[in-house]
Protein backbone atom coordinates (compact mmCIF):
# COMPACT_ATOMS: atom_id res chain seq x y z
CA MET A 1 -78.11 -8.70 129.23
CA GLU A 2 -76.65 -10.76 130.60
CA ALA A 3 -73.16 -9.12 131.01
CA ILE A 4 -75.47 -6.19 132.42
CA VAL A 5 -76.79 -8.64 135.59
CA GLU A 6 -73.65 -9.41 135.85
CA ARG A 7 -72.17 -5.72 136.22
CA VAL A 8 -75.38 -5.25 138.40
CA LEU A 9 -74.14 -7.86 141.20
CA PHE A 10 -70.16 -7.32 140.76
CA GLU A 11 -71.13 -3.77 142.02
CA ALA A 12 -73.08 -4.40 144.51
CA MET A 13 -70.49 -6.54 146.22
CA GLU A 14 -67.97 -3.88 145.87
CA ARG A 15 -70.51 -1.93 147.72
CA LEU A 16 -70.73 -4.27 150.60
CA ARG A 17 -67.41 -5.04 150.77
CA ALA A 18 -66.62 -1.36 151.30
CA ASP A 19 -69.49 -1.73 154.24
CA GLY A 20 -66.92 -4.02 155.63
CA LYS A 21 -69.30 -7.22 154.74
CA ILE A 22 -67.45 -9.23 152.25
CA PRO A 23 -63.63 -9.92 153.01
CA ALA A 24 -61.59 -8.00 150.92
CA GLU A 25 -60.24 -11.61 150.12
CA VAL A 26 -63.37 -13.25 149.47
CA ARG A 27 -64.07 -12.98 145.71
CA PRO A 28 -66.62 -15.38 143.86
CA SER A 29 -66.91 -15.22 140.19
CA VAL A 30 -70.08 -14.19 139.64
CA VAL A 31 -71.48 -16.52 136.77
CA ILE A 32 -74.92 -15.72 135.05
CA GLU A 33 -77.79 -18.40 134.46
CA ARG A 34 -80.83 -18.66 132.39
CA PRO A 35 -83.26 -20.77 134.55
CA LYS A 36 -84.96 -23.57 132.88
CA ARG A 37 -88.22 -22.62 134.39
CA ASP A 38 -89.76 -19.66 133.58
CA GLU A 39 -91.52 -18.61 136.49
CA PHE A 40 -87.79 -18.60 138.25
CA GLY A 41 -87.64 -15.31 135.50
CA ASP A 42 -84.55 -14.64 133.05
CA PHE A 43 -81.80 -14.80 135.34
CA GLY A 44 -80.52 -16.25 138.01
CA CYS A 45 -76.62 -16.41 140.33
CA ALA A 46 -76.04 -18.26 142.90
CA LEU A 47 -73.57 -15.68 144.36
CA PRO A 48 -75.55 -15.82 147.70
CA LEU A 49 -74.47 -19.64 147.92
CA ALA A 50 -71.11 -18.82 146.98
CA LEU A 51 -70.58 -15.89 149.01
CA GLY A 52 -71.94 -17.73 151.74
CA LYS A 53 -69.58 -20.78 151.92
CA ALA A 54 -66.89 -18.62 151.68
CA THR A 55 -68.13 -16.12 155.01
CA ARG A 56 -69.45 -19.62 157.03
CA ARG A 57 -72.79 -17.91 156.88
CA ASN A 58 -76.60 -18.16 155.56
CA PRO A 59 -76.74 -17.92 151.78
CA ALA A 60 -80.47 -16.36 153.08
CA GLU A 61 -78.96 -13.68 155.09
CA CYS A 62 -76.14 -12.96 152.33
CA GLY A 63 -78.83 -12.63 149.52
CA LYS A 64 -81.20 -10.38 151.43
CA GLU A 65 -77.95 -8.26 152.13
CA LEU A 66 -76.92 -8.39 147.91
CA MET A 67 -80.84 -7.16 147.08
CA ALA A 68 -80.47 -4.57 149.77
CA ALA A 69 -77.02 -3.27 147.90
CA ILE A 70 -78.20 -3.50 144.30
CA GLN A 71 -78.11 -0.59 142.90
CA ALA A 72 -80.48 -1.65 139.00
CA PRO A 73 -80.52 0.90 136.08
CA GLU A 74 -83.95 2.84 136.53
CA GLY A 75 -86.69 0.58 134.82
CA LEU A 76 -83.81 -2.76 134.07
CA PHE A 77 -86.02 -5.16 136.66
CA GLN A 78 -89.17 -6.26 137.45
CA ALA A 79 -88.39 -8.23 140.06
CA VAL A 80 -85.23 -9.71 142.54
CA THR A 81 -85.92 -12.28 144.52
CA PHE A 82 -84.36 -15.25 146.50
CA ALA A 83 -84.60 -18.86 146.16
CA PRO A 84 -83.66 -21.75 148.28
CA PRO A 85 -80.63 -22.78 148.94
CA GLY A 86 -79.39 -19.72 147.87
CA TYR A 87 -79.78 -18.09 144.21
CA LEU A 88 -80.97 -14.48 143.29
CA ASN A 89 -83.55 -14.36 140.36
CA PHE A 90 -83.66 -11.36 138.02
CA LYS A 91 -87.03 -11.03 135.81
CA VAL A 92 -85.70 -8.82 132.98
CA ALA A 93 -88.80 -5.43 132.19
CA PRO A 94 -90.77 -5.97 129.03
CA ALA A 95 -89.82 -2.37 128.86
CA ALA A 96 -86.51 -3.31 129.11
CA TRP A 97 -85.68 -6.03 126.92
CA PHE A 98 -87.54 -4.30 124.07
CA GLU A 99 -85.19 -1.07 124.73
CA ARG A 100 -81.94 -4.06 123.32
CA MET A 101 -83.80 -4.08 120.00
CA ARG A 102 -82.73 -0.34 119.08
CA ASP A 103 -79.48 -1.63 118.25
CA VAL A 104 -78.79 -5.27 118.23
CA THR A 105 -75.91 -6.30 116.40
CA THR A 106 -73.99 -3.22 118.17
CA LEU A 107 -71.55 -5.04 120.14
CA PRO A 108 -69.41 -3.76 123.46
CA ALA A 109 -65.48 -3.10 122.96
CA SER A 110 -65.14 -5.48 125.87
CA GLY A 111 -61.09 -6.63 124.85
CA ALA A 112 -60.45 -2.80 123.95
CA GLY A 113 -56.81 -2.32 124.67
CA GLU A 114 -55.42 -5.94 124.48
CA ARG A 115 -53.18 -7.66 121.65
CA VAL A 116 -53.39 -10.93 121.45
CA LEU A 117 -51.54 -13.62 119.08
CA LEU A 118 -53.79 -16.63 117.91
CA GLU A 119 -51.56 -19.39 116.75
CA PHE A 120 -53.36 -22.02 115.53
CA VAL A 121 -53.33 -25.43 112.22
CA SER A 122 -49.88 -25.20 111.78
CA ALA A 123 -50.15 -28.15 110.61
CA ASN A 124 -46.68 -29.93 109.58
CA PRO A 125 -46.35 -29.58 106.28
CA THR A 126 -45.91 -33.08 104.91
CA GLY A 127 -49.45 -34.08 103.71
CA PRO A 128 -53.13 -32.41 103.11
CA LEU A 129 -55.42 -30.99 105.67
CA HIS A 130 -57.71 -33.39 106.61
CA VAL A 131 -60.88 -33.31 109.15
CA GLY A 132 -59.00 -32.96 112.61
CA HIS A 133 -57.14 -30.27 111.09
CA GLY A 134 -59.81 -28.47 109.97
CA ARG A 135 -61.37 -28.54 113.29
CA GLY A 136 -59.10 -26.91 115.17
CA ALA A 137 -58.95 -24.18 111.68
CA VAL A 138 -62.76 -23.20 112.12
CA LEU A 139 -61.58 -22.76 115.15
CA GLY A 140 -59.20 -20.34 115.57
CA ASP A 141 -60.33 -18.26 112.91
CA SER A 142 -63.55 -17.97 114.31
CA VAL A 143 -62.33 -17.09 117.81
CA ALA A 144 -60.47 -14.71 115.84
CA ARG A 145 -63.56 -13.54 114.39
CA LEU A 146 -65.16 -12.67 117.54
CA MET A 147 -62.64 -11.13 119.53
CA ARG A 148 -61.65 -8.61 116.88
CA ALA A 149 -66.03 -8.07 116.31
CA THR A 150 -65.40 -7.57 120.85
CA GLY A 151 -62.43 -4.61 120.20
CA TYR A 152 -59.65 -6.92 120.44
CA ALA A 153 -56.39 -6.37 118.65
CA VAL A 154 -55.75 -9.97 117.37
CA GLU A 155 -53.00 -10.99 114.96
CA THR A 156 -53.14 -14.89 113.70
CA GLU A 157 -50.19 -17.10 112.64
CA TYR A 158 -49.42 -20.68 111.26
CA TYR A 159 -45.96 -22.01 112.88
CA VAL A 160 -44.66 -24.28 110.31
CA ASN A 161 -42.48 -26.74 112.02
CA ASP A 162 -40.15 -28.16 108.38
CA VAL A 163 -37.54 -29.77 111.03
CA GLY A 164 -36.83 -32.61 112.37
CA ASN A 165 -38.01 -36.02 111.62
CA GLN A 166 -41.24 -35.88 110.01
CA MET A 167 -39.96 -33.61 107.40
CA ALA A 168 -36.65 -35.92 106.81
CA MET A 169 -39.60 -39.01 106.06
CA MET A 170 -41.22 -36.79 103.78
CA GLY A 171 -38.30 -36.24 102.00
CA LEU A 172 -37.29 -39.47 101.77
CA SER A 173 -40.56 -40.14 101.45
CA LEU A 174 -40.32 -37.92 98.06
CA HIS A 175 -37.02 -38.57 97.33
CA CYS A 176 -38.55 -42.64 96.77
CA ARG A 177 -41.62 -42.01 94.51
CA GLY A 178 -39.33 -40.06 92.60
CA ARG A 179 -36.54 -43.21 91.84
CA GLU A 180 -39.32 -45.33 90.82
CA ILE A 181 -41.47 -42.82 88.45
CA LEU A 182 -37.47 -42.91 87.02
CA GLY A 183 -36.88 -46.55 87.07
CA SER A 184 -34.06 -46.34 89.26
CA SER A 185 -36.41 -48.05 92.07
CA ASP A 186 -39.13 -50.90 92.28
CA GLY A 187 -40.44 -49.58 95.09
CA SER A 188 -38.93 -52.25 97.71
CA ASP A 189 -36.40 -50.02 99.62
CA PHE A 190 -39.61 -47.95 100.39
CA PRO A 191 -38.99 -46.84 104.09
CA GLU A 192 -41.32 -48.33 106.60
CA ASN A 193 -42.80 -45.01 107.95
CA GLY A 194 -42.88 -43.24 104.68
CA TYR A 195 -46.01 -41.27 103.74
CA ARG A 196 -47.19 -43.65 101.50
CA GLY A 197 -50.76 -41.36 99.85
CA GLN A 198 -51.37 -40.99 96.26
CA TYR A 199 -50.44 -37.15 96.74
CA VAL A 200 -45.98 -37.82 97.37
CA ARG A 201 -46.43 -40.04 94.07
CA ASP A 202 -48.29 -36.13 92.59
CA VAL A 203 -45.47 -34.20 94.19
CA ALA A 204 -42.93 -36.51 93.08
CA ALA A 205 -43.49 -36.57 89.31
CA GLU A 206 -44.00 -33.08 89.61
CA PHE A 207 -40.27 -32.81 91.08
CA VAL A 208 -38.72 -35.25 88.65
CA ALA A 209 -40.35 -33.49 85.89
CA THR A 210 -37.67 -30.50 87.01
CA GLU A 211 -33.94 -30.57 85.74
CA ALA A 212 -33.16 -30.64 89.59
CA GLY A 213 -35.30 -32.81 90.76
CA ARG A 214 -34.35 -35.32 88.45
CA ALA A 215 -30.45 -34.97 89.35
CA ALA A 216 -31.57 -35.03 93.43
CA CYS A 217 -33.68 -38.66 92.78
CA LEU A 218 -29.87 -39.98 90.76
CA LYS A 219 -28.49 -39.74 93.82
CA ALA A 220 -28.41 -40.98 97.00
CA TYR A 221 -31.04 -39.69 99.82
CA GLU A 222 -27.86 -39.26 101.89
CA ASP A 223 -25.28 -37.17 99.29
CA LEU A 224 -28.52 -34.80 98.99
CA GLY A 225 -27.46 -32.58 102.49
CA ALA A 226 -29.38 -33.30 106.11
CA ARG A 227 -32.06 -35.34 105.90
CA ASP A 228 -34.65 -32.60 106.82
CA ASP A 229 -32.89 -29.75 104.40
CA ASN A 230 -32.41 -30.84 101.12
CA PRO A 231 -33.85 -30.24 97.78
CA CYS A 232 -36.25 -33.24 98.05
CA THR A 233 -37.48 -31.66 101.82
CA HIS A 234 -37.92 -27.75 100.43
CA PHE A 235 -39.76 -29.12 97.25
CA ALA A 236 -42.31 -31.06 99.12
CA GLU A 237 -42.87 -27.86 102.08
CA GLU A 238 -43.48 -25.63 99.04
CA ARG A 239 -45.75 -27.78 97.47
CA LEU A 240 -47.45 -29.12 100.22
CA LEU A 241 -47.81 -25.96 102.39
CA ALA A 242 -50.05 -24.55 98.60
CA VAL A 243 -52.45 -26.95 98.91
CA ILE A 244 -52.89 -26.02 102.67
CA ARG A 245 -53.55 -22.58 102.23
CA GLY A 246 -55.34 -23.44 98.74
CA THR A 247 -57.73 -26.19 101.22
CA LEU A 248 -57.30 -22.87 104.28
CA ARG A 249 -58.79 -20.20 101.95
CA SER A 250 -61.37 -22.80 100.43
CA GLY A 251 -62.79 -22.64 103.90
CA ASP A 252 -62.74 -18.89 104.16
CA ILE A 253 -59.74 -18.79 106.94
CA GLU A 254 -56.42 -16.84 105.96
CA PHE A 255 -53.79 -15.80 108.63
CA ASP A 256 -52.14 -12.57 109.20
CA HIS A 257 -48.50 -14.33 109.33
CA TRP A 258 -46.84 -17.66 108.53
CA THR A 259 -43.59 -18.44 111.01
CA ASN A 260 -41.06 -21.23 109.38
CA GLU A 261 -39.81 -22.85 112.31
CA ARG A 262 -36.38 -23.68 110.51
CA SER A 263 -36.05 -18.98 111.13
CA LEU A 264 -35.98 -19.76 114.73
CA TYR A 265 -32.15 -21.99 113.70
CA ALA A 266 -31.20 -19.63 110.79
CA SER A 267 -31.41 -16.48 113.47
CA GLY A 268 -29.91 -17.89 115.93
CA ALA A 269 -32.61 -17.98 118.70
CA VAL A 270 -33.00 -21.23 119.56
CA GLU A 271 -29.23 -21.49 120.48
CA ARG A 272 -29.48 -17.78 122.07
CA THR A 273 -32.41 -19.37 124.50
CA THR A 274 -30.74 -22.27 124.77
CA ASP A 275 -27.81 -20.03 126.00
CA ILE A 276 -29.98 -17.92 128.65
CA LEU A 277 -31.26 -20.53 130.66
CA LEU A 278 -28.52 -22.62 131.24
CA GLN A 279 -27.28 -18.99 132.36
CA ARG A 280 -29.72 -18.80 134.68
CA ASP A 281 -29.70 -22.12 135.77
CA ASN A 282 -32.90 -22.91 134.47
CA ALA A 283 -31.03 -25.74 132.19
CA TYR A 284 -28.97 -28.18 132.82
CA ARG A 285 -26.14 -30.62 130.87
CA ASP A 286 -26.26 -33.93 132.24
CA GLU A 287 -23.80 -36.23 132.45
CA ALA A 288 -24.56 -37.34 129.08
CA GLY A 289 -23.93 -34.21 127.54
CA SER A 290 -27.54 -33.84 127.05
CA ILE A 291 -29.37 -29.93 128.01
CA LEU A 292 -31.97 -30.43 130.39
CA PHE A 293 -34.83 -28.17 131.04
CA ARG A 294 -35.86 -27.83 135.40
CA MET A 295 -39.08 -28.73 135.83
CA GLU A 296 -38.67 -29.04 139.43
CA GLY A 297 -41.15 -26.98 140.80
CA LYS A 298 -43.29 -26.02 138.44
CA ALA A 299 -44.90 -29.14 137.45
CA ASP A 300 -45.75 -32.67 138.22
CA GLU A 301 -43.33 -33.50 135.78
CA ASP A 302 -39.84 -34.87 135.33
CA ASP A 303 -37.15 -32.61 133.99
CA ARG A 304 -37.35 -32.06 129.55
CA VAL A 305 -34.62 -32.67 127.17
CA MET A 306 -33.27 -29.58 125.29
CA VAL A 307 -30.58 -30.89 123.56
CA ARG A 308 -29.88 -33.92 123.09
CA ALA A 309 -26.15 -35.53 123.50
CA SER A 310 -25.43 -35.16 120.13
CA GLY A 311 -26.17 -32.07 119.63
CA VAL A 312 -29.26 -31.53 117.83
CA PRO A 313 -32.62 -30.12 119.29
CA THR A 314 -35.24 -31.54 120.05
CA TYR A 315 -38.54 -29.46 119.00
CA PHE A 316 -39.26 -28.40 122.77
CA ALA A 317 -36.39 -26.08 122.25
CA ALA A 318 -37.00 -24.76 119.01
CA ASP A 319 -40.99 -24.34 120.70
CA ILE A 320 -39.56 -22.83 123.69
CA ALA A 321 -37.58 -19.36 121.72
CA TYR A 322 -41.27 -19.39 119.35
CA HIS A 323 -42.95 -19.02 122.55
CA ASP A 324 -40.45 -16.53 123.35
CA ASP A 325 -40.37 -14.46 120.48
CA LYS A 326 -44.37 -14.21 120.37
CA ALA A 327 -43.66 -12.62 124.15
CA ARG A 328 -41.02 -10.41 122.59
CA ARG A 329 -43.64 -9.23 119.73
CA GLY A 330 -45.74 -7.11 122.61
CA PHE A 331 -48.61 -9.07 122.85
CA THR A 332 -50.79 -9.49 125.60
CA ARG A 333 -52.00 -12.58 125.00
CA LEU A 334 -51.10 -15.93 123.62
CA ILE A 335 -53.59 -18.38 122.57
CA ASN A 336 -52.60 -21.96 121.00
CA ILE A 337 -54.84 -24.40 119.39
CA TRP A 338 -53.42 -27.68 120.13
CA GLY A 339 -54.68 -31.33 119.49
CA ALA A 340 -56.00 -33.25 123.11
CA ASP A 341 -52.77 -35.10 122.76
CA HIS A 342 -51.35 -32.32 123.57
CA HIS A 343 -52.39 -31.42 126.50
CA GLY A 344 -49.01 -32.45 128.87
CA TYR A 345 -47.54 -30.06 127.00
CA ILE A 346 -49.06 -27.13 128.74
CA PRO A 347 -46.58 -27.20 131.97
CA ARG A 348 -43.43 -26.99 129.82
CA MET A 349 -44.80 -24.01 127.59
CA LYS A 350 -45.93 -22.63 130.33
CA ALA A 351 -42.87 -22.83 132.85
CA SER A 352 -40.61 -22.02 129.77
CA LEU A 353 -42.67 -18.91 129.05
CA GLU A 354 -41.72 -18.00 132.93
CA ALA A 355 -37.70 -18.93 132.78
CA MET A 356 -37.11 -16.55 130.36
CA GLY A 357 -39.19 -14.00 132.12
CA HIS A 358 -42.70 -13.54 130.85
CA ASN A 359 -45.69 -14.10 132.77
CA PRO A 360 -47.04 -18.14 131.83
CA ALA A 361 -50.81 -16.57 132.49
CA MET A 362 -49.83 -14.68 129.04
CA LEU A 363 -50.36 -18.32 127.17
CA GLN A 364 -53.80 -19.99 127.05
CA VAL A 365 -54.40 -22.74 124.50
CA LEU A 366 -56.98 -24.54 123.40
CA LEU A 367 -57.73 -28.52 122.77
CA VAL A 368 -59.55 -29.85 119.88
CA GLN A 369 -60.59 -33.26 120.58
CA MET A 370 -60.47 -36.06 117.91
CA VAL A 371 -63.12 -36.05 114.47
CA THR A 372 -64.86 -38.99 113.23
CA LEU A 373 -65.52 -38.75 109.80
CA THR A 374 -68.80 -40.65 108.78
CA ARG A 375 -70.34 -41.57 105.28
CA GLY A 376 -73.12 -44.24 106.02
CA GLY A 377 -73.17 -44.74 109.20
CA VAL A 378 -69.88 -45.68 108.47
CA ALA A 379 -66.48 -44.15 109.95
CA VAL A 380 -64.32 -43.05 107.10
CA PRO A 381 -60.39 -44.01 108.37
CA MET A 382 -57.65 -41.09 108.47
CA GLY A 383 -54.46 -41.47 109.09
CA LYS A 384 -51.74 -39.13 106.61
CA ARG A 385 -49.19 -41.91 107.05
CA SER A 386 -51.17 -44.81 105.51
CA GLY A 387 -52.66 -42.17 102.40
CA GLU A 388 -56.00 -43.89 103.29
CA PHE A 389 -57.67 -40.35 104.12
CA VAL A 390 -59.87 -38.53 102.72
CA THR A 391 -58.80 -34.95 102.87
CA LEU A 392 -60.08 -31.73 104.20
CA GLN A 393 -60.48 -30.16 100.90
CA GLU A 394 -62.71 -32.70 99.31
CA VAL A 395 -65.40 -32.63 102.45
CA LEU A 396 -65.17 -28.78 101.37
CA ASP A 397 -65.76 -29.71 97.73
CA GLU A 398 -68.36 -32.76 99.17
CA VAL A 399 -70.39 -30.23 101.47
CA GLY A 400 -69.76 -26.61 101.17
CA ARG A 401 -68.03 -24.51 103.47
CA ASP A 402 -70.78 -23.50 105.38
CA ALA A 403 -71.76 -27.22 106.30
CA VAL A 404 -68.00 -27.70 107.53
CA ARG A 405 -67.74 -24.18 109.78
CA PHE A 406 -71.45 -24.56 110.94
CA LEU A 407 -71.21 -28.39 111.60
CA PHE A 408 -67.36 -27.96 113.84
CA LEU A 409 -68.74 -24.90 115.87
CA LEU A 410 -72.17 -27.39 117.32
CA ARG A 411 -70.34 -29.49 119.27
CA LYS A 412 -67.08 -27.27 122.28
CA ALA A 413 -64.07 -28.37 120.64
CA ASP A 414 -62.59 -30.04 123.51
CA ALA A 415 -65.31 -32.45 123.10
CA GLN A 416 -65.11 -35.36 120.98
CA MET A 417 -67.31 -34.97 117.57
CA GLU A 418 -68.88 -36.53 114.76
CA PHE A 419 -69.16 -35.27 111.15
CA ASP A 420 -71.89 -37.16 109.39
CA LEU A 421 -71.18 -36.55 105.44
CA ASP A 422 -74.69 -37.48 104.42
CA LEU A 423 -76.20 -35.33 107.04
CA ALA A 424 -74.03 -32.24 106.27
CA LYS A 425 -74.44 -31.99 102.11
CA SER A 426 -78.41 -32.66 102.66
CA GLN A 427 -80.46 -29.87 101.78
CA THR A 428 -83.41 -30.18 104.46
CA MET A 429 -84.55 -29.12 107.86
CA ASP A 430 -82.39 -31.82 109.95
CA ASN A 431 -78.64 -30.38 109.02
CA PRO A 432 -77.97 -27.69 111.30
CA VAL A 433 -76.92 -25.21 109.12
CA TYR A 434 -79.29 -25.54 106.32
CA TYR A 435 -82.17 -25.13 109.55
CA VAL A 436 -80.65 -21.30 110.70
CA GLN A 437 -79.29 -20.46 107.26
CA TYR A 438 -83.52 -21.29 106.02
CA GLY A 439 -84.22 -18.56 109.21
CA HIS A 440 -82.59 -16.12 107.49
CA ALA A 441 -83.75 -16.47 104.05
CA ARG A 442 -87.51 -17.36 105.57
CA VAL A 443 -87.30 -13.43 106.73
CA ALA A 444 -85.78 -12.54 103.86
CA SER A 445 -88.76 -13.32 101.64
CA ILE A 446 -91.21 -11.73 104.27
CA LEU A 447 -89.69 -9.09 103.20
CA ARG A 448 -89.69 -9.06 100.36
CA LYS A 449 -93.65 -9.76 100.17
CA ALA A 450 -93.77 -6.66 102.62
CA ALA A 451 -91.72 -4.34 100.34
CA GLY A 452 -93.88 -5.50 96.91
CA LEU A 453 -96.44 -4.93 98.53
CA GLY A 454 -95.02 -1.37 99.52
CA ILE A 455 -95.06 -1.93 103.55
CA ALA A 456 -91.87 -0.34 104.64
CA VAL A 457 -90.05 -1.89 107.83
CA PRO A 458 -90.42 0.70 110.45
CA GLY A 459 -87.19 2.18 113.37
CA PHE A 460 -87.42 1.51 116.40
CA SER A 461 -90.62 3.14 118.56
CA GLU A 462 -91.62 2.08 122.09
CA ALA A 463 -94.48 1.85 120.51
CA LEU A 464 -94.36 -1.12 118.43
CA ARG A 465 -93.84 -3.08 121.52
CA GLU A 466 -97.58 -2.76 122.46
CA SER A 467 -98.54 -5.19 119.16
CA LEU A 468 -96.21 -7.71 120.46
CA THR A 469 -98.72 -9.28 122.74
CA LEU A 470 -98.23 -13.16 121.42
CA PRO A 471 -95.84 -15.03 123.93
CA GLU A 472 -93.91 -16.39 121.19
CA GLU A 473 -93.23 -12.29 120.02
CA GLN A 474 -92.32 -11.51 124.01
CA SER A 475 -89.90 -14.29 123.77
CA LEU A 476 -88.06 -13.86 120.66
CA ILE A 477 -87.38 -10.22 121.73
CA LYS A 478 -85.51 -11.71 124.77
CA ASP A 479 -83.47 -14.47 121.71
CA VAL A 480 -83.05 -11.50 119.90
CA ALA A 481 -81.95 -8.70 122.77
CA ARG A 482 -79.47 -11.57 123.95
CA PHE A 483 -77.08 -11.19 121.35
CA ALA A 484 -74.67 -8.50 122.25
CA GLY A 485 -73.77 -10.17 125.61
CA VAL A 486 -73.60 -14.43 124.23
CA VAL A 487 -71.45 -12.84 121.77
CA GLU A 488 -69.26 -10.66 124.12
CA SER A 489 -69.38 -13.73 126.51
CA ALA A 490 -67.98 -16.16 123.67
CA ALA A 491 -65.21 -14.17 122.47
CA ARG A 492 -63.85 -13.96 126.59
CA ARG A 493 -64.38 -16.97 126.59
CA CYS A 494 -62.95 -18.37 123.70
CA GLU A 495 -65.70 -20.68 122.61
CA PRO A 496 -67.81 -19.81 119.64
CA HIS A 497 -69.98 -23.03 119.83
CA HIS A 498 -72.02 -20.58 122.17
CA ILE A 499 -72.78 -18.61 118.60
CA ALA A 500 -74.18 -21.72 116.80
CA PHE A 501 -76.25 -22.66 119.95
CA TYR A 502 -77.48 -18.94 120.55
CA LEU A 503 -78.39 -19.02 116.72
CA THR A 504 -79.55 -22.64 116.87
CA ASP A 505 -82.36 -22.01 119.25
CA LEU A 506 -82.91 -18.21 118.44
CA VAL A 507 -83.94 -20.56 114.61
CA LYS A 508 -86.21 -22.87 116.54
CA GLY A 509 -88.38 -20.08 118.18
CA PHE A 510 -88.79 -18.16 115.15
CA HIS A 511 -89.68 -21.18 112.87
CA GLY A 512 -92.43 -21.97 115.88
CA TYR A 513 -93.57 -18.47 115.87
CA TYR A 514 -94.01 -18.31 112.24
CA THR A 515 -95.28 -21.97 111.69
CA ARG A 516 -97.62 -21.70 114.45
CA ASN A 517 -99.36 -18.53 113.65
CA LYS A 518 -98.99 -18.23 109.85
CA HIS A 519 -102.57 -18.79 109.44
CA THR A 520 -104.50 -17.00 112.22
CA GLU A 521 -102.10 -14.41 113.17
CA LYS A 522 -100.15 -13.58 110.05
CA VAL A 523 -96.90 -11.13 109.71
CA ILE A 524 -98.69 -8.90 106.96
CA SER A 525 -101.81 -8.89 107.92
CA SER A 526 -105.56 -6.67 107.64
CA ASP A 527 -103.70 -4.40 110.82
CA PRO A 528 -101.21 -2.09 109.98
CA ALA A 529 -100.00 -1.52 113.61
CA LYS A 530 -99.27 -5.58 114.15
CA THR A 531 -97.74 -5.87 110.25
CA ALA A 532 -95.24 -2.90 111.43
CA ALA A 533 -94.30 -3.90 114.42
CA ARG A 534 -94.37 -7.61 113.61
CA LEU A 535 -91.79 -6.28 110.49
CA PHE A 536 -89.69 -4.98 112.53
CA LEU A 537 -89.42 -7.90 114.40
CA VAL A 538 -88.91 -10.35 112.27
CA SER A 539 -86.27 -8.12 110.66
CA ARG A 540 -84.42 -7.82 113.76
CA VAL A 541 -84.45 -11.70 114.25
CA GLN A 542 -82.96 -11.56 110.35
CA SER A 543 -80.11 -9.01 111.50
CA VAL A 544 -79.04 -11.00 114.00
CA LEU A 545 -78.91 -14.40 112.07
CA ALA A 546 -76.85 -12.20 109.59
CA ALA A 547 -74.46 -10.93 112.58
CA GLY A 548 -74.02 -14.42 114.08
CA LEU A 549 -73.41 -16.11 110.93
CA ARG A 550 -70.77 -14.21 109.81
CA LEU A 551 -68.64 -14.69 113.22
CA LEU A 552 -68.91 -17.75 112.36
CA GLY A 553 -67.24 -17.53 108.71
CA VAL A 554 -70.86 -18.67 107.07
CA SER A 555 -73.01 -16.98 104.51
CA ALA A 556 -76.45 -16.17 105.03
CA PRO A 557 -78.44 -16.16 101.88
CA GLU A 558 -81.21 -14.35 100.78
CA GLU A 559 -83.05 -17.33 99.48
CA MET A 560 -83.05 -21.29 100.09
CA ARG A 561 -85.89 -23.99 98.93
CA LEU A 562 -86.88 -26.72 101.23
CA ALA A 563 -88.11 -30.57 98.88
CA ALA A 564 -92.02 -29.19 100.49
CA ASP A 565 -92.19 -25.16 100.83
CA ASP A 566 -95.61 -24.45 101.17
CA ASP A 567 -94.50 -21.14 103.23
CA THR A 568 -96.45 -18.07 102.87
CA ALA A 569 -95.58 -14.18 104.62
């Protein structure tokens, strides 16, 4: 419904623009809001205020012109009013709300024709995924689900950073642990910044159990080849990527593509990209022999080193080649999910895309803030280098996939969050995911009871609305009818937390309706007309809950129990 109101206002502005009442260059955003007070209607928009500011006119005059230019579908609005200092308020007609109940889970194909490459997680294969990685993984997978559901052609990709100092340190850590297992070292030579987790010992034990691994660990690390490209790093990468893949599968997350950084070097893409930028004068050699990318005029940053004086490329050089490759694959939009600490990297990547001949606006970066894991109110340490951390797999095993996914999506991605392990595994209404899932199970229980009594759930009929007169029923109709608009908006904005918020609000309304009326106005009663109407309403609630949870990758159970469950339909 929000999308319909937005379109009506946009079309009204176009009519005013055609009549010369709004300058062509004045194009304020149309932001539809839900008023906090019912008397203001169902939706509000501050467009008159924005137009008044842009045109230096009285917002009230702008509001009157907009109202006169509105050509809404017949019967859509019960009232459209102006409210100072510059708002238009819309009250949708009850019949129009109920008409949306006809097919509540059909979604608009608003993204049709847009090819999207969504890259996320992309953690170095130097250890198991931790909870911070999990938040980005759930966000990326849910964004992909939302966008696919609304018509976007989305492909997902994991970029494996298997080149550089971190892989070199992983290989050296594995080599040192292997030598300890073989009795060739007492561990005193283990690097200060090495990876110390038990998982390194486990992988090393597998490695030295092979003939090739034993031979490698009996040699000096320097004699094995490049520090980041030798039998130790290859074995660690293979085993740890297998662990990462397994953890992602546990979270119901699959990728269409896995791309290795090493392949960009092997194909010559990094060298070719560097040469192109030098030829176009977007890069230059300094006196020391390093190659730097020109940032002057592109962002408020210093020029950035692409290739060191030693001839070794930096991560930036490979990232330029990688994003150039993405753009050349025919995608119209590139979405990356990065940790919030990579914020400063965004201008560089946009500048490099432009330098390579691509539209920098095609790159969209979603930033994910840190996660604090707590147990019993105490923070749990998370540090891959120290080895003292709880893995994402351990959290999935302890609290379950549904809780992990839903709780991660219950906060906006760029807001820091605390993940309470005790709350996540509790089977009470205090647990947000349990609360929402219980709403679905509660409706399923009602429908099972109706089926047992031989009462069928009716299909859509305008006549059903006449029996849904309770304020809570009218509110539920509106909440259910908003589903498609919420999904479309969440997909467009790449913000799945809106779905989690919406489902929570919908279930809150349903639980309140059910609890307040289960003794006086039961869903199944002796009144056939009310019973039919209420069964139709709650069945639509169930459909939307199931569809919304599915978009978040969360299950919708048919049966659940609380410690003290005395529910009756």
